[in-house]
Amino acid sequence: MSFKVVVQSEAEEDLKEAARWIAQYSPDKATLWYFDATETIESLENFPARCPLAPESKKFGAEIRHLIFGKHRILFLIEDETVYVLRVKHQAQDVIRPDEE
């Protein structure tokens, strides 16, 4: 079964912000990182439930899962046949709070 992957605007902004930060040091690496990150997100089309529940699940009362990508966590929800990518956070950042969603 293939899932539809929807990247929420907050997650897209997280991706762009991370790429901007990387670009300060290496524009080429930033481009490659962004490409790899989007490819990793697209991999959620297949078996997204393979990813463990994120710590945020308890705070939100929903099954928020995360996929580790390098030093980042891709946070997402699975609803029916759709994967909603909520945020992309560096692992050094605190877990997201309900008022940040």
PDB file of N, CA and C in Angstrom:
ATOM      1  N   MET A   1       0.846  -1.188   0.000  1.00  0.00           N
ATOM      2  CA  MET A   1       0.000   0.000   0.000  1.00  0.00           C
ATOM      3  C   MET A   1       0.883   1.239   0.000  1.00  0.00           C
ATOM      4  N   SER A   2       0.567   2.153  -0.862  1.00  0.00           N
ATOM      5  CA  SER A   2       1.312   3.401  -0.950  1.00  0.00           C
ATOM      6  C   SER A   2       0.509   4.522  -0.288  1.00  0.00           C
ATOM      7  N   PHE A   3       1.183   5.323   0.518  1.00  0.00           N
ATOM      8  CA  PHE A   3       0.552   6.434   1.216  1.00  0.00           C
ATOM      9  C   PHE A   3       0.827   7.738   0.484  1.00  0.00           C
ATOM     10  N   LYS A   4      -0.111   8.657   0.592  1.00  0.00           N
ATOM     11  CA  LYS A   4       0.093  10.008   0.087  1.00  0.00           C
ATOM     12  C   LYS A   4       0.846  10.770   1.178  1.00  0.00           C
ATOM     13  N   VAL A   5       1.874  11.517   0.810  1.00  0.00           N
ATOM     14  CA  VAL A   5       2.649  12.296   1.777  1.00  0.00           C
ATOM     15  C   VAL A   5       2.351  13.778   1.573  1.00  0.00           C
ATOM     16  N   VAL A   6       1.905  14.439   2.644  1.00  0.00           N
ATOM     17  CA  VAL A   6       1.586  15.864   2.613  1.00  0.00           C
ATOM     18  C   VAL A   6       2.519  16.571   3.591  1.00  0.00           C
ATOM     19  N   VAL A   7       3.301  17.497   3.087  1.00  0.00           N
ATOM     20  CA  VAL A   7       4.219  18.263   3.926  1.00  0.00           C
ATOM     21  C   VAL A   7       3.523  19.558   4.337  1.00  0.00           C
ATOM     22  N   GLN A   8       3.287  19.705   5.629  1.00  0.00           N
ATOM     23  CA  GLN A   8       2.626  20.903   6.143  1.00  0.00           C
ATOM     24  C   GLN A   8       3.549  22.105   5.987  1.00  0.00           C
ATOM     25  N   SER A   9       2.984  23.306   5.964  1.00  0.00           N
ATOM     26  CA  SER A   9       3.770  24.515   5.733  1.00  0.00           C
ATOM     27  C   SER A   9       4.849  24.723   6.803  1.00  0.00           C
ATOM     28  N   GLU A  10       4.560  24.351   8.042  1.00  0.00           N
ATOM     29  CA  GLU A  10       5.548  24.492   9.119  1.00  0.00           C
ATOM     30  C   GLU A  10       6.761  23.602   8.864  1.00  0.00           C
ATOM     31  N   ALA A  11       6.517  22.395   8.380  1.00  0.00           N
ATOM     32  CA  ALA A  11       7.610  21.466   8.081  1.00  0.00           C
ATOM     33  C   ALA A  11       8.424  21.973   6.900  1.00  0.00           C
ATOM     34  N   GLU A  12       7.764  22.510   5.899  1.00  0.00           N
ATOM     35  CA  GLU A  12       8.475  23.068   4.744  1.00  0.00           C
ATOM     36  C   GLU A  12       9.356  24.229   5.186  1.00  0.00           C
ATOM     37  N   GLU A  13       8.837  25.065   6.069  1.00  0.00           N
ATOM     38  CA  GLU A  13       9.633  26.186   6.584  1.00  0.00           C
ATOM     39  C   GLU A  13      10.814  25.676   7.411  1.00  0.00           C
ATOM     40  N   ASP A  14      10.603  24.610   8.193  1.00  0.00           N
ATOM     41  CA  ASP A  14      11.706  24.004   8.948  1.00  0.00           C
ATOM     42  C   ASP A  14      12.809  23.527   8.009  1.00  0.00           C
ATOM     43  N   LEU A  15      12.426  22.891   6.901  1.00  0.00           N
ATOM     44  CA  LEU A  15      13.400  22.414   5.922  1.00  0.00           C
ATOM     45  C   LEU A  15      14.197  23.579   5.333  1.00  0.00           C
ATOM     46  N   LYS A  16      13.501  24.628   4.967  1.00  0.00           N
ATOM     47  CA  LYS A  16      14.168  25.782   4.370  1.00  0.00           C
ATOM     48  C   LYS A  16      15.101  26.462   5.365  1.00  0.00           C
ATOM     49  N   GLU A  17      14.657  26.569   6.611  1.00  0.00           N
ATOM     50  CA  GLU A  17      15.484  27.194   7.651  1.00  0.00           C
ATOM     51  C   GLU A  17      16.757  26.389   7.892  1.00  0.00           C
ATOM     52  N   ALA A  18      16.637  25.075   7.947  1.00  0.00           N
ATOM     53  CA  ALA A  18      17.819  24.225   8.132  1.00  0.00           C
ATOM     54  C   ALA A  18      18.766  24.369   6.942  1.00  0.00           C
ATOM     55  N   ALA A  19      18.225  24.394   5.748  1.00  0.00           N
ATOM     56  CA  ALA A  19      19.059  24.548   4.551  1.00  0.00           C
ATOM     57  C   ALA A  19      19.756  25.911   4.539  1.00  0.00           C
ATOM     58  N   ARG A  20      19.054  26.954   4.970  1.00  0.00           N
ATOM     59  CA  ARG A  20      19.673  28.285   5.048  1.00  0.00           C
ATOM     60  C   ARG A  20      20.841  28.282   6.034  1.00  0.00           C
ATOM     61  N   TRP A  21      20.652  27.607   7.156  1.00  0.00           N
ATOM     62  CA  TRP A  21      21.709  27.542   8.168  1.00  0.00           C
ATOM     63  C   TRP A  21      22.933  26.810   7.606  1.00  0.00           C
ATOM     64  N   ILE A  22      22.707  25.679   6.954  1.00  0.00           N
ATOM     65  CA  ILE A  22      23.800  24.906   6.359  1.00  0.00           C
ATOM     66  C   ILE A  22      24.487  25.719   5.258  1.00  0.00           C
ATOM     67  N   ALA A  23      23.715  26.476   4.501  1.00  0.00           N
ATOM     68  CA  ALA A  23      24.255  27.261   3.381  1.00  0.00           C
ATOM     69  C   ALA A  23      25.241  28.325   3.834  1.00  0.00           C
ATOM     70  N   GLN A  24      25.148  28.757   5.083  1.00  0.00           N
ATOM     71  CA  GLN A  24      26.109  29.723   5.600  1.00  0.00           C
ATOM     72  C   GLN A  24      27.528  29.171   5.526  1.00  0.00           C
ATOM     73  N   TYR A  25      27.627  27.864   5.643  1.00  0.00           N
ATOM     74  CA  TYR A  25      28.934  27.200   5.669  1.00  0.00           C
ATOM     75  C   TYR A  25      29.264  26.526   4.342  1.00  0.00           C
ATOM     76  N   SER A  26      28.232  26.033   3.655  1.00  0.00           N
ATOM     77  CA  SER A  26      28.460  25.358   2.379  1.00  0.00           C
ATOM     78  C   SER A  26      27.167  25.319   1.562  1.00  0.00           C
ATOM     79  N   PRO A  27      27.042  26.203   0.589  1.00  0.00           N
ATOM     80  CA  PRO A  27      25.840  26.189  -0.254  1.00  0.00           C
ATOM     81  C   PRO A  27      25.618  24.842  -0.954  1.00  0.00           C
ATOM     82  N   ASP A  28      26.709  24.212  -1.390  1.00  0.00           N
ATOM     83  CA  ASP A  28      26.570  22.917  -2.061  1.00  0.00           C
ATOM     84  C   ASP A  28      26.009  21.860  -1.120  1.00  0.00           C
ATOM     85  N   LYS A  29      26.503  21.834   0.110  1.00  0.00           N
ATOM     86  CA  LYS A  29      26.001  20.865   1.088  1.00  0.00           C
ATOM     87  C   LYS A  29      24.546  21.149   1.449  1.00  0.00           C
ATOM     88  N   ALA A  30      24.182  22.415   1.479  1.00  0.00           N
ATOM     89  CA  ALA A  30      22.797  22.780   1.791  1.00  0.00           C
ATOM     90  C   ALA A  30      21.850  22.245   0.727  1.00  0.00           C
ATOM     91  N   THR A  31      22.244  22.388  -0.530  1.00  0.00           N
ATOM     92  CA  THR A  31      21.416  21.881  -1.624  1.00  0.00           C
ATOM     93  C   THR A  31      21.291  20.369  -1.549  1.00  0.00           C
ATOM     94  N   LEU A  32      22.406  19.701  -1.316  1.00  0.00           N
ATOM     95  CA  LEU A  32      22.393  18.247  -1.195  1.00  0.00           C
ATOM     96  C   LEU A  32      21.560  17.806   0.012  1.00  0.00           C
ATOM     97  N   TRP A  33      21.703  18.496   1.145  1.00  0.00           N
ATOM     98  CA  TRP A  33      20.939  18.161   2.347  1.00  0.00           C
ATOM     99  C   TRP A  33      19.437  18.287   2.074  1.00  0.00           C
ATOM    100  N   TYR A  34      19.041  19.382   1.430  1.00  0.00           N
ATOM    101  CA  TYR A  34      17.622  19.606   1.144  1.00  0.00           C
ATOM    102  C   TYR A  34      17.077  18.505   0.237  1.00  0.00           C
ATOM    103  N   PHE A  35      17.839  18.154  -0.793  1.00  0.00           N
ATOM    104  CA  PHE A  35      17.426  17.087  -1.704  1.00  0.00           C
ATOM    105  C   PHE A  35      17.281  15.764  -0.947  1.00  0.00           C
ATOM    106  N   ASP A  36      18.271  15.420  -0.131  1.00  0.00           N
ATOM    107  CA  ASP A  36      18.225  14.168   0.637  1.00  0.00           C
ATOM    108  C   ASP A  36      17.074  14.168   1.643  1.00  0.00           C
ATOM    109  N   ALA A  37      16.823  15.326   2.266  1.00  0.00           N
ATOM    110  CA  ALA A  37      15.730  15.419   3.238  1.00  0.00           C
ATOM    111  C   ALA A  37      14.381  15.187   2.558  1.00  0.00           C
ATOM    112  N   THR A  38      14.172  15.803   1.405  1.00  0.00           N
ATOM    113  CA  THR A  38      12.895  15.616   0.709  1.00  0.00           C
ATOM    114  C   THR A  38      12.753  14.179   0.203  1.00  0.00           C
ATOM    115  N   GLU A  39      13.846  13.579  -0.203  1.00  0.00           N
ATOM    116  CA  GLU A  39      13.814  12.183  -0.629  1.00  0.00           C
ATOM    117  C   GLU A  39      13.467  11.266   0.563  1.00  0.00           C
ATOM    118  N   THR A  40      14.016  11.578   1.719  1.00  0.00           N
ATOM    119  CA  THR A  40      13.716  10.805   2.931  1.00  0.00           C
ATOM    120  C   THR A  40      12.239  10.945   3.297  1.00  0.00           C
ATOM    121  N   ILE A  41      11.719  12.155   3.187  1.00  0.00           N
ATOM    122  CA  ILE A  41      10.293  12.381   3.461  1.00  0.00           C
ATOM    123  C   ILE A  41       9.437  11.578   2.489  1.00  0.00           C
ATOM    124  N   GLU A  42       9.811  11.574   1.228  1.00  0.00           N
ATOM    125  CA  GLU A  42       9.058  10.813   0.226  1.00  0.00           C
ATOM    126  C   GLU A  42       9.067   9.313   0.529  1.00  0.00           C
ATOM    127  N   SER A  43      10.100   8.844   1.233  1.00  0.00           N
ATOM    128  CA  SER A  43      10.159   7.418   1.572  1.00  0.00           C
ATOM    129  C   SER A  43       9.030   7.005   2.507  1.00  0.00           C
ATOM    130  N   LEU A  44       8.371   7.989   3.116  1.00  0.00           N
ATOM    131  CA  LEU A  44       7.243   7.683   4.000  1.00  0.00           C
ATOM    132  C   LEU A  44       6.038   7.166   3.223  1.00  0.00           C
ATOM    133  N   GLU A  45       6.104   7.201   1.904  1.00  0.00           N
ATOM    134  CA  GLU A  45       5.041   6.617   1.086  1.00  0.00           C
ATOM    135  C   GLU A  45       4.902   5.121   1.359  1.00  0.00           C
ATOM    136  N   ASN A  46       5.999   4.512   1.753  1.00  0.00           N
ATOM    137  CA  ASN A  46       6.027   3.066   1.986  1.00  0.00           C
ATOM    138  C   ASN A  46       6.297   2.760   3.454  1.00  0.00           C
ATOM    139  N   PHE A  47       5.389   2.078   4.068  1.00  0.00           N
ATOM    140  CA  PHE A  47       5.516   1.604   5.450  1.00  0.00           C
ATOM    141  C   PHE A  47       5.873   2.704   6.457  1.00  0.00           C
ATOM    142  N   PRO A  48       5.115   3.775   6.540  1.00  0.00           N
ATOM    143  CA  PRO A  48       5.450   4.836   7.495  1.00  0.00           C
ATOM    144  C   PRO A  48       5.369   4.381   8.952  1.00  0.00           C
ATOM    145  N   ALA A  49       4.593   3.336   9.212  1.00  0.00           N
ATOM    146  CA  ALA A  49       4.468   2.841  10.586  1.00  0.00           C
ATOM    147  C   ALA A  49       5.738   2.140  11.066  1.00  0.00           C
ATOM    148  N   ARG A  50       6.733   2.009  10.178  1.00  0.00           N
ATOM    149  CA  ARG A  50       8.016   1.426  10.571  1.00  0.00           C
ATOM    150  C   ARG A  50       8.741   2.323  11.565  1.00  0.00           C
ATOM    151  N   CYS A  51       8.356   3.598  11.585  1.00  0.00           N
ATOM    152  CA  CYS A  51       9.015   4.586  12.437  1.00  0.00           C
ATOM    153  C   CYS A  51       8.390   4.575  13.831  1.00  0.00           C
ATOM    154  N   PRO A  52       9.213   4.756  14.866  1.00  0.00           N
ATOM    155  CA  PRO A  52       8.693   4.714  16.230  1.00  0.00           C
ATOM    156  C   PRO A  52       7.880   5.955  16.586  1.00  0.00           C
ATOM    157  N   LEU A  53       7.129   5.816  17.662  1.00  0.00           N
ATOM    158  CA  LEU A  53       6.394   6.959  18.189  1.00  0.00           C
ATOM    159  C   LEU A  53       7.385   7.975  18.738  1.00  0.00           C
ATOM    160  N   ALA A  54       7.083   9.238  18.523  1.00  0.00           N
ATOM    161  CA  ALA A  54       7.922  10.333  19.010  1.00  0.00           C
ATOM    162  C   ALA A  54       7.506  10.696  20.435  1.00  0.00           C
ATOM    163  N   PRO A  55       8.402  11.305  21.211  1.00  0.00           N
ATOM    164  CA  PRO A  55       8.038  11.754  22.562  1.00  0.00           C
ATOM    165  C   PRO A  55       6.832  12.687  22.559  1.00  0.00           C
ATOM    166  N   GLU A  56       6.618  13.406  21.463  1.00  0.00           N
ATOM    167  CA  GLU A  56       5.491  14.336  21.357  1.00  0.00           C
ATOM    168  C   GLU A  56       4.142  13.634  21.423  1.00  0.00           C
ATOM    169  N   SER A  57       4.099  12.341  21.144  1.00  0.00           N
ATOM    170  CA  SER A  57       2.835  11.601  21.142  1.00  0.00           C
ATOM    171  C   SER A  57       2.085  11.745  22.458  1.00  0.00           C
ATOM    172  N   LYS A  58       2.806  11.665  23.551  1.00  0.00           N
ATOM    173  CA  LYS A  58       2.169  11.760  24.868  1.00  0.00           C
ATOM    174  C   LYS A  58       1.563  13.136  25.090  1.00  0.00           C
ATOM    175  N   LYS A  59       2.259  14.177  24.659  1.00  0.00           N
ATOM    176  CA  LYS A  59       1.782  15.548  24.886  1.00  0.00           C
ATOM    177  C   LYS A  59       0.585  15.906  24.013  1.00  0.00           C
ATOM    178  N   PHE A  60       0.551  15.349  22.804  1.00  0.00           N
ATOM    179  CA  PHE A  60      -0.516  15.674  21.868  1.00  0.00           C
ATOM    180  C   PHE A  60      -1.686  14.703  21.941  1.00  0.00           C
ATOM    181  N   GLY A  61      -1.474  13.547  22.556  1.00  0.00           N
ATOM    182  CA  GLY A  61      -2.527  12.547  22.595  1.00  0.00           C
ATOM    183  C   GLY A  61      -2.814  11.968  21.224  1.00  0.00           C
ATOM    184  N   ALA A  62      -1.811  11.976  20.364  1.00  0.00           N
ATOM    185  CA  ALA A  62      -1.941  11.430  19.003  1.00  0.00           C
ATOM    186  C   ALA A  62      -0.689  10.613  18.710  1.00  0.00           C
ATOM    187  N   GLU A  63      -0.792   9.734  17.755  1.00  0.00           N
ATOM    188  CA  GLU A  63       0.351   8.896  17.398  1.00  0.00           C
ATOM    189  C   GLU A  63       1.287   9.636  16.451  1.00  0.00           C
ATOM    190  N   ILE A  64       2.030  10.571  17.007  1.00  0.00           N
ATOM    191  CA  ILE A  64       3.039  11.282  16.225  1.00  0.00           C
ATOM    192  C   ILE A  64       4.274  10.392  16.176  1.00  0.00           C
ATOM    193  N   ARG A  65       4.754  10.167  14.985  1.00  0.00           N
ATOM    194  CA  ARG A  65       5.934   9.327  14.785  1.00  0.00           C
ATOM    195  C   ARG A  65       7.084  10.197  14.297  1.00  0.00           C
ATOM    196  N   HIS A  66       8.288   9.647  14.386  1.00  0.00           N
ATOM    197  CA  HIS A  66       9.420  10.390  13.853  1.00  0.00           C
ATOM    198  C   HIS A  66      10.351   9.475  13.068  1.00  0.00           C
ATOM    199  N   LEU A  67      10.914  10.071  12.046  1.00  0.00           N
ATOM    200  CA  LEU A  67      11.894   9.406  11.194  1.00  0.00           C
ATOM    201  C   LEU A  67      13.184  10.195  11.365  1.00  0.00           C
ATOM    202  N   ILE A  68      14.246   9.509  11.767  1.00  0.00           N
ATOM    203  CA  ILE A  68      15.521  10.175  11.970  1.00  0.00           C
ATOM    204  C   ILE A  68      16.210  10.364  10.623  1.00  0.00           C
ATOM    205  N   PHE A  69      16.654  11.583  10.381  1.00  0.00           N
ATOM    206  CA  PHE A  69      17.389  11.915   9.176  1.00  0.00           C
ATOM    207  C   PHE A  69      18.625  12.697   9.614  1.00  0.00           C
ATOM    208  N   GLY A  70      19.758  12.027   9.672  1.00  0.00           N
ATOM    209  CA  GLY A  70      20.977  12.675  10.144  1.00  0.00           C
ATOM    210  C   GLY A  70      20.779  13.180  11.560  1.00  0.00           C
ATOM    211  N   LYS A  71      20.912  14.480  11.742  1.00  0.00           N
ATOM    212  CA  LYS A  71      20.733  15.088  13.056  1.00  0.00           C
ATOM    213  C   LYS A  71      19.344  15.692  13.227  1.00  0.00           C
ATOM    214  N   HIS A  72      18.437  15.329  12.334  1.00  0.00           N
ATOM    215  CA  HIS A  72      17.081  15.880  12.372  1.00  0.00           C
ATOM    216  C   HIS A  72      16.044  14.786  12.595  1.00  0.00           C
ATOM    217  N   ARG A  73      14.903  15.198  13.112  1.00  0.00           N
ATOM    218  CA  ARG A  73      13.750  14.307  13.280  1.00  0.00           C
ATOM    219  C   ARG A  73      12.624  14.837  12.403  1.00  0.00           C
ATOM    220  N   ILE A  74      12.079  13.969  11.596  1.00  0.00           N
ATOM    221  CA  ILE A  74      10.933  14.312  10.760  1.00  0.00           C
ATOM    222  C   ILE A  74       9.698  13.798  11.499  1.00  0.00           C
ATOM    223  N   LEU A  75       8.872  14.720  11.983  1.00  0.00           N
ATOM    224  CA  LEU A  75       7.694  14.374  12.781  1.00  0.00           C
ATOM    225  C   LEU A  75       6.464  14.306  11.883  1.00  0.00           C
ATOM    226  N   PHE A  76       5.689  13.234  12.046  1.00  0.00           N
ATOM    227  CA  PHE A  76       4.535  13.052  11.166  1.00  0.00           C
ATOM    228  C   PHE A  76       3.422  12.254  11.827  1.00  0.00           C
ATOM    229  N   LEU A  77       2.241  12.381  11.245  1.00  0.00           N
ATOM    230  CA  LEU A  77       1.040  11.628  11.637  1.00  0.00           C
ATOM    231  C   LEU A  77       0.597  10.777  10.459  1.00  0.00           C
ATOM    232  N   ILE A  78       0.029   9.631  10.764  1.00  0.00           N
ATOM    233  CA  ILE A  78      -0.574   8.798   9.728  1.00  0.00           C
ATOM    234  C   ILE A  78      -2.077   8.826   9.958  1.00  0.00           C
ATOM    235  N   GLU A  79      -2.822   9.259   8.954  1.00  0.00           N
ATOM    236  CA  GLU A  79      -4.282   9.249   9.022  1.00  0.00           C
ATOM    237  C   GLU A  79      -4.800   8.578   7.759  1.00  0.00           C
ATOM    238  N   ASP A  80      -5.468   7.459   7.953  1.00  0.00           N
ATOM    239  CA  ASP A  80      -5.965   6.662   6.833  1.00  0.00           C
ATOM    240  C   ASP A  80      -4.812   6.338   5.883  1.00  0.00           C
ATOM    241  N   GLU A  81      -4.872   6.838   4.665  1.00  0.00           N
ATOM    242  CA  GLU A  81      -3.838   6.542   3.668  1.00  0.00           C
ATOM    243  C   GLU A  81      -2.960   7.752   3.390  1.00  0.00           C
ATOM    244  N   THR A  82      -2.912   8.693   4.346  1.00  0.00           N
ATOM    245  CA  THR A  82      -2.135   9.918   4.178  1.00  0.00           C
ATOM    246  C   THR A  82      -1.163  10.096   5.335  1.00  0.00           C
ATOM    247  N   VAL A  83       0.049  10.495   5.004  1.00  0.00           N
ATOM    248  CA  VAL A  83       1.071  10.840   5.996  1.00  0.00           C
ATOM    249  C   VAL A  83       1.187  12.360   5.989  1.00  0.00           C
ATOM    250  N   TYR A  84       1.001  12.981   7.146  1.00  0.00           N
ATOM    251  CA  TYR A  84       1.122  14.422   7.283  1.00  0.00           C
ATOM    252  C   TYR A  84       2.433  14.729   7.988  1.00  0.00           C
ATOM    253  N   VAL A  85       3.363  15.343   7.283  1.00  0.00           N
ATOM    254  CA  VAL A  85       4.641  15.736   7.882  1.00  0.00           C
ATOM    255  C   VAL A  85       4.397  17.064   8.590  1.00  0.00           C
ATOM    256  N   LEU A  86       4.570  17.044   9.919  1.00  0.00           N
ATOM    257  CA  LEU A  86       4.242  18.199  10.736  1.00  0.00           C
ATOM    258  C   LEU A  86       5.406  19.166  10.898  1.00  0.00           C
ATOM    259  N   ARG A  87       6.566  18.630  11.253  1.00  0.00           N
ATOM    260  CA  ARG A  87       7.740  19.456  11.530  1.00  0.00           C
ATOM    261  C   ARG A  87       9.004  18.691  11.181  1.00  0.00           C
ATOM    262  N   VAL A  88      10.085  19.420  11.024  1.00  0.00           N
ATOM    263  CA  VAL A  88      11.420  18.844  10.877  1.00  0.00           C
ATOM    264  C   VAL A  88      12.284  19.588  11.885  1.00  0.00           C
ATOM    265  N   LYS A  89      12.736  18.870  12.909  1.00  0.00           N
ATOM    266  CA  LYS A  89      13.452  19.492  14.019  1.00  0.00           C
ATOM    267  C   LYS A  89      14.841  18.893  14.185  1.00  0.00           C
ATOM    268  N   HIS A  90      15.802  19.733  14.507  1.00  0.00           N
ATOM    269  CA  HIS A  90      17.137  19.252  14.844  1.00  0.00           C
ATOM    270  C   HIS A  90      17.024  18.504  16.166  1.00  0.00           C
ATOM    271  N   GLN A  91      17.784  17.442  16.322  1.00  0.00           N
ATOM    272  CA  GLN A  91      17.683  16.626  17.538  1.00  0.00           C
ATOM    273  C   GLN A  91      18.071  17.405  18.793  1.00  0.00           C
ATOM    274  N   ALA A  92      18.838  18.475  18.649  1.00  0.00           N
ATOM    275  CA  ALA A  92      19.223  19.283  19.807  1.00  0.00           C
ATOM    276  C   ALA A  92      18.074  20.174  20.292  1.00  0.00           C
ATOM    277  N   GLN A  93      17.046  20.345  19.460  1.00  0.00           N
ATOM    278  CA  GLN A  93      15.909  21.174  19.850  1.00  0.00           C
ATOM    279  C   GLN A  93      14.990  20.394  20.774  1.00  0.00           C
ATOM    280  N   ASP A  94      14.308  21.121  21.644  1.00  0.00           N
ATOM    281  CA  ASP A  94      13.327  20.500  22.528  1.00  0.00           C
ATOM    282  C   ASP A  94      12.203  19.877  21.715  1.00  0.00           C
ATOM    283  N   VAL A  95      11.483  18.946  22.345  1.00  0.00           N
ATOM    284  CA  VAL A  95      10.313  18.369  21.690  1.00  0.00           C
ATOM    285  C   VAL A  95       9.292  19.491  21.490  1.00  0.00           C
ATOM    286  N   ILE A  96       8.471  19.371  20.461  1.00  0.00           N
ATOM    287  CA  ILE A  96       7.477  20.407  20.211  1.00  0.00           C
ATOM    288  C   ILE A  96       6.356  20.314  21.243  1.00  0.00           C
ATOM    289  N   ARG A  97       5.761  21.464  21.518  1.00  0.00           N
ATOM    290  CA  ARG A  97       4.670  21.557  22.466  1.00  0.00           C
ATOM    291  C   ARG A  97       3.366  21.737  21.685  1.00  0.00           C
ATOM    292  N   PRO A  98       2.246  21.386  22.315  1.00  0.00           N
ATOM    293  CA  PRO A  98       0.961  21.548  21.616  1.00  0.00           C
ATOM    294  C   PRO A  98       0.714  22.954  21.086  1.00  0.00           C
ATOM    295  N   ASP A  99       1.227  23.988  21.754  1.00  0.00           N
ATOM    296  CA  ASP A  99       0.997  25.344  21.279  1.00  0.00           C
ATOM    297  C   ASP A  99       1.910  25.738  20.114  1.00  0.00           C
ATOM    298  N   GLU A 100       2.822  24.841  19.701  1.00  0.00           N
ATOM    299  CA  GLU A 100       3.715  25.104  18.575  1.00  0.00           C
ATOM    300  C   GLU A 100       3.208  24.470  17.276  1.00  0.00           C
ATOM    301  N   GLU A 101       2.238  23.622  17.354  1.00  0.00           N
ATOM    302  CA  GLU A 101       1.807  22.859  16.179  1.00  0.00           C
ATOM    303  C   GLU A 101       1.326  23.748  15.075  1.00  0.00           C
TER     304      GLU A 101
END
